[in-house]
Amino acid sequence: MPQIIPIRDLKNTGEISDICHNSHEPIFVTKNGYGDMVIMSMETYEKTMFLNDIYKKLEEAENSLANGDVTDAFDSIKEIRRKYNV
């Protein structure tokens, strides 16, 4: 479950760091009762960016497949062999 803290709690940096590393989830910071910032550990950030990159590549692959921008693997190998005289 996500952690939500008010902005005034940011002065407890050591405690917030521990929460970030132990929960492996972002902490949502509110200001005047509204969402303002998100804090997360570097490990969680890198994992999130890695997954976003994978999802983006999968979406591009699905779009290529839907548009017919793909070639059969056997045809690709035949073309490479023909091109390089292998």
N, C-alpha and C. Protein backbone atom coordinates (compact mmCIF):
# COMPACT_ATOMS: atom_id res chain seq x y z
N MET A 1 0.84 -1.18 0.00
CA MET A 1 0.00 0.00 0.00
C MET A 1 0.89 1.24 0.00
N PRO A 2 0.57 2.22 -0.83
CA PRO A 2 1.45 3.39 -0.93
C PRO A 2 1.47 4.20 0.37
N GLN A 3 2.62 4.78 0.64
CA GLN A 3 2.80 5.67 1.78
C GLN A 3 2.47 7.09 1.33
N ILE A 4 1.74 7.80 2.14
CA ILE A 4 1.41 9.20 1.87
C ILE A 4 1.80 10.00 3.10
N ILE A 5 2.65 11.03 2.89
CA ILE A 5 3.08 11.84 4.02
C ILE A 5 2.91 13.32 3.69
N PRO A 6 2.71 14.16 4.70
CA PRO A 6 2.66 15.60 4.44
C PRO A 6 4.07 16.15 4.24
N ILE A 7 4.15 17.26 3.55
CA ILE A 7 5.44 17.85 3.21
C ILE A 7 6.24 18.22 4.46
N ARG A 8 5.59 18.54 5.56
CA ARG A 8 6.30 18.92 6.78
C ARG A 8 7.14 17.76 7.33
N ASP A 9 6.79 16.51 6.97
CA ASP A 9 7.56 15.35 7.43
C ASP A 9 8.86 15.15 6.68
N LEU A 10 9.13 15.95 5.66
CA LEU A 10 10.36 15.79 4.89
C LEU A 10 11.60 16.12 5.71
N LYS A 11 11.44 16.77 6.86
CA LYS A 11 12.61 17.07 7.69
C LYS A 11 13.20 15.81 8.33
N ASN A 12 12.44 14.72 8.34
CA ASN A 12 12.90 13.43 8.88
C ASN A 12 13.52 12.61 7.75
N THR A 13 14.61 13.11 7.18
CA THR A 13 15.18 12.49 5.98
C THR A 13 15.64 11.05 6.19
N GLY A 14 16.23 10.78 7.33
CA GLY A 14 16.70 9.42 7.58
C GLY A 14 15.55 8.43 7.64
N GLU A 15 14.48 8.82 8.29
CA GLU A 15 13.31 7.96 8.40
C GLU A 15 12.66 7.74 7.03
N ILE A 16 12.58 8.80 6.24
CA ILE A 16 11.98 8.69 4.90
C ILE A 16 12.84 7.80 4.02
N SER A 17 14.16 7.92 4.13
CA SER A 17 15.06 7.06 3.36
C SER A 17 14.84 5.60 3.72
N ASP A 18 14.72 5.32 5.01
CA ASP A 18 14.47 3.94 5.45
C ASP A 18 13.15 3.41 4.90
N ILE A 19 12.12 4.25 4.91
CA ILE A 19 10.82 3.82 4.38
C ILE A 19 10.94 3.50 2.89
N CYS A 20 11.62 4.36 2.16
CA CYS A 20 11.79 4.15 0.71
C CYS A 20 12.50 2.83 0.43
N HIS A 21 13.57 2.56 1.16
CA HIS A 21 14.35 1.35 0.91
C HIS A 21 13.67 0.09 1.40
N ASN A 22 12.91 0.19 2.47
CA ASN A 22 12.26 -1.00 3.02
C ASN A 22 10.97 -1.35 2.29
N SER A 23 10.26 -0.36 1.81
CA SER A 23 8.97 -0.63 1.17
C SER A 23 9.11 -0.93 -0.32
N HIS A 24 10.19 -0.49 -0.95
CA HIS A 24 10.42 -0.65 -2.39
C HIS A 24 9.27 -0.04 -3.20
N GLU A 25 8.65 0.99 -2.65
CA GLU A 25 7.57 1.70 -3.32
C GLU A 25 7.81 3.20 -3.16
N PRO A 26 7.23 3.99 -4.03
CA PRO A 26 7.36 5.44 -3.87
C PRO A 26 6.55 5.95 -2.67
N ILE A 27 6.98 7.09 -2.17
CA ILE A 27 6.25 7.79 -1.11
C ILE A 27 5.64 9.03 -1.75
N PHE A 28 4.36 9.20 -1.56
CA PHE A 28 3.65 10.35 -2.10
C PHE A 28 3.63 11.45 -1.05
N VAL A 29 4.07 12.64 -1.43
CA VAL A 29 4.14 13.77 -0.52
C VAL A 29 3.02 14.75 -0.87
N THR A 30 2.28 15.16 0.18
CA THR A 30 1.18 16.09 -0.04
C THR A 30 1.54 17.47 0.48
N LYS A 31 0.94 18.47 -0.12
CA LYS A 31 1.11 19.85 0.31
C LYS A 31 -0.29 20.46 0.36
N ASN A 32 -0.68 20.93 1.52
CA ASN A 32 -2.03 21.47 1.73
C ASN A 32 -3.11 20.47 1.33
N GLY A 33 -2.84 19.19 1.57
CA GLY A 33 -3.83 18.15 1.31
C GLY A 33 -3.87 17.64 -0.12
N TYR A 34 -3.02 18.17 -0.99
CA TYR A 34 -3.01 17.76 -2.40
C TYR A 34 -1.67 17.12 -2.75
N GLY A 35 -1.67 16.21 -3.68
CA GLY A 35 -0.44 15.57 -4.12
C GLY A 35 0.53 16.60 -4.66
N ASP A 36 1.80 16.49 -4.26
CA ASP A 36 2.80 17.46 -4.68
C ASP A 36 4.04 16.81 -5.27
N MET A 37 4.55 15.75 -4.61
CA MET A 37 5.80 15.12 -5.06
C MET A 37 5.74 13.62 -4.82
N VAL A 38 6.69 12.93 -5.44
CA VAL A 38 6.87 11.50 -5.20
C VAL A 38 8.35 11.27 -4.92
N ILE A 39 8.63 10.49 -3.88
CA ILE A 39 10.00 10.17 -3.51
C ILE A 39 10.15 8.65 -3.55
N MET A 40 11.28 8.19 -4.11
CA MET A 40 11.54 6.75 -4.13
C MET A 40 13.03 6.51 -4.10
N SER A 41 13.40 5.29 -3.74
CA SER A 41 14.82 4.92 -3.72
C SER A 41 15.35 4.83 -5.15
N MET A 42 16.65 4.92 -5.29
CA MET A 42 17.26 4.79 -6.62
C MET A 42 16.96 3.42 -7.22
N GLU A 43 16.98 2.39 -6.39
CA GLU A 43 16.69 1.03 -6.85
C GLU A 43 15.28 0.95 -7.45
N THR A 44 14.32 1.51 -6.75
CA THR A 44 12.94 1.50 -7.24
C THR A 44 12.82 2.33 -8.51
N TYR A 45 13.49 3.48 -8.55
CA TYR A 45 13.46 4.34 -9.73
C TYR A 45 14.04 3.61 -10.95
N GLU A 46 15.20 2.99 -10.78
CA GLU A 46 15.84 2.29 -11.89
C GLU A 46 14.98 1.12 -12.37
N LYS A 47 14.37 0.40 -11.45
CA LYS A 47 13.48 -0.70 -11.83
C LYS A 47 12.28 -0.18 -12.60
N THR A 48 11.72 0.93 -12.15
CA THR A 48 10.57 1.54 -12.82
C THR A 48 10.95 1.99 -14.23
N MET A 49 12.10 2.63 -14.38
CA MET A 49 12.54 3.09 -15.69
C MET A 49 12.81 1.91 -16.62
N PHE A 50 13.39 0.83 -16.08
CA PHE A 50 13.66 -0.36 -16.86
C PHE A 50 12.35 -0.97 -17.38
N LEU A 51 11.37 -1.10 -16.49
CA LEU A 51 10.08 -1.65 -16.90
C LEU A 51 9.38 -0.76 -17.92
N ASN A 52 9.47 0.56 -17.74
CA ASN A 52 8.87 1.48 -18.71
C ASN A 52 9.50 1.30 -20.09
N ASP A 53 10.82 1.11 -20.12
CA ASP A 53 11.51 0.89 -21.39
C ASP A 53 11.04 -0.40 -22.05
N ILE A 54 10.89 -1.45 -21.26
CA ILE A 54 10.41 -2.73 -21.80
C ILE A 54 8.99 -2.58 -22.36
N TYR A 55 8.12 -1.92 -21.60
CA TYR A 55 6.73 -1.73 -22.06
C TYR A 55 6.69 -0.92 -23.35
N LYS A 56 7.56 0.10 -23.46
CA LYS A 56 7.61 0.92 -24.67
C LYS A 56 8.04 0.07 -25.87
N LYS A 57 9.05 -0.77 -25.67
CA LYS A 57 9.53 -1.62 -26.76
C LYS A 57 8.48 -2.66 -27.16
N LEU A 58 7.77 -3.19 -26.17
CA LEU A 58 6.70 -4.15 -26.48
C LEU A 58 5.58 -3.48 -27.27
N GLU A 59 5.25 -2.25 -26.89
CA GLU A 59 4.21 -1.52 -27.62
C GLU A 59 4.64 -1.26 -29.06
N GLU A 60 5.90 -0.87 -29.26
CA GLU A 60 6.41 -0.64 -30.61
C GLU A 60 6.37 -1.94 -31.43
N ALA A 61 6.72 -3.06 -30.80
CA ALA A 61 6.70 -4.35 -31.50
C ALA A 61 5.27 -4.73 -31.87
N GLU A 62 4.33 -4.51 -30.96
CA GLU A 62 2.93 -4.82 -31.25
C GLU A 62 2.40 -3.95 -32.37
N ASN A 63 2.80 -2.67 -32.39
CA ASN A 63 2.37 -1.78 -33.47
C ASN A 63 2.95 -2.22 -34.81
N SER A 64 4.21 -2.63 -34.82
CA SER A 64 4.84 -3.12 -36.05
C SER A 64 4.12 -4.36 -36.56
N LEU A 65 3.77 -5.24 -35.64
CA LEU A 65 3.06 -6.45 -36.01
C LEU A 65 1.67 -6.12 -36.57
N ALA A 66 0.97 -5.20 -35.92
CA ALA A 66 -0.36 -4.80 -36.37
C ALA A 66 -0.32 -4.13 -37.74
N ASN A 67 0.76 -3.38 -38.02
CA ASN A 67 0.90 -2.68 -39.29
C ASN A 67 1.49 -3.55 -40.39
N GLY A 68 1.88 -4.76 -40.05
CA GLY A 68 2.46 -5.67 -41.04
C GLY A 68 3.90 -5.35 -41.37
N ASP A 69 4.59 -4.63 -40.50
CA ASP A 69 5.99 -4.25 -40.72
C ASP A 69 6.94 -5.32 -40.22
N VAL A 70 6.61 -6.58 -40.44
CA VAL A 70 7.45 -7.68 -39.96
C VAL A 70 7.77 -8.60 -41.13
N THR A 71 8.86 -9.35 -40.96
CA THR A 71 9.28 -10.30 -41.98
C THR A 71 9.45 -11.66 -41.31
N ASP A 72 9.09 -12.69 -42.02
CA ASP A 72 9.26 -14.04 -41.52
C ASP A 72 10.74 -14.31 -41.26
N ALA A 73 11.05 -15.02 -40.19
CA ALA A 73 12.44 -15.28 -39.81
C ALA A 73 13.19 -16.05 -40.90
N PHE A 74 12.53 -17.04 -41.52
CA PHE A 74 13.20 -17.81 -42.57
C PHE A 74 13.52 -16.92 -43.77
N ASP A 75 12.60 -16.03 -44.12
CA ASP A 75 12.85 -15.10 -45.23
C ASP A 75 14.00 -14.15 -44.90
N SER A 76 14.07 -13.70 -43.65
CA SER A 76 15.16 -12.81 -43.23
C SER A 76 16.50 -13.50 -43.35
N ILE A 77 16.57 -14.74 -42.90
CA ILE A 77 17.83 -15.50 -42.98
C ILE A 77 18.23 -15.73 -44.44
N LYS A 78 17.26 -16.06 -45.29
CA LYS A 78 17.55 -16.24 -46.71
C LYS A 78 18.10 -14.96 -47.32
N GLU A 79 17.51 -13.82 -46.96
CA GLU A 79 17.96 -12.53 -47.49
C GLU A 79 19.38 -12.21 -47.02
N ILE A 80 19.69 -12.49 -45.77
CA ILE A 80 21.04 -12.24 -45.24
C ILE A 80 22.05 -13.13 -45.94
N ARG A 81 21.71 -14.40 -46.12
CA ARG A 81 22.63 -15.32 -46.82
C ARG A 81 22.86 -14.88 -48.25
N ARG A 82 21.80 -14.44 -48.93
CA ARG A 82 21.94 -13.98 -50.30
C ARG A 82 22.80 -12.71 -50.36
N LYS A 83 22.57 -11.80 -49.42
CA LYS A 83 23.29 -10.53 -49.42
C LYS A 83 24.78 -10.71 -49.16
N TYR A 84 25.13 -11.64 -48.26
CA TYR A 84 26.53 -11.81 -47.88
C TYR A 84 27.17 -13.07 -48.48
N ASN A 85 26.49 -13.70 -49.42
CA ASN A 85 27.00 -14.90 -50.08
C ASN A 85 27.42 -15.97 -49.09
N VAL A 86 26.57 -16.25 -48.16
CA VAL A 86 26.87 -17.26 -47.13
C VAL A 86 26.12 -18.51 -47.46
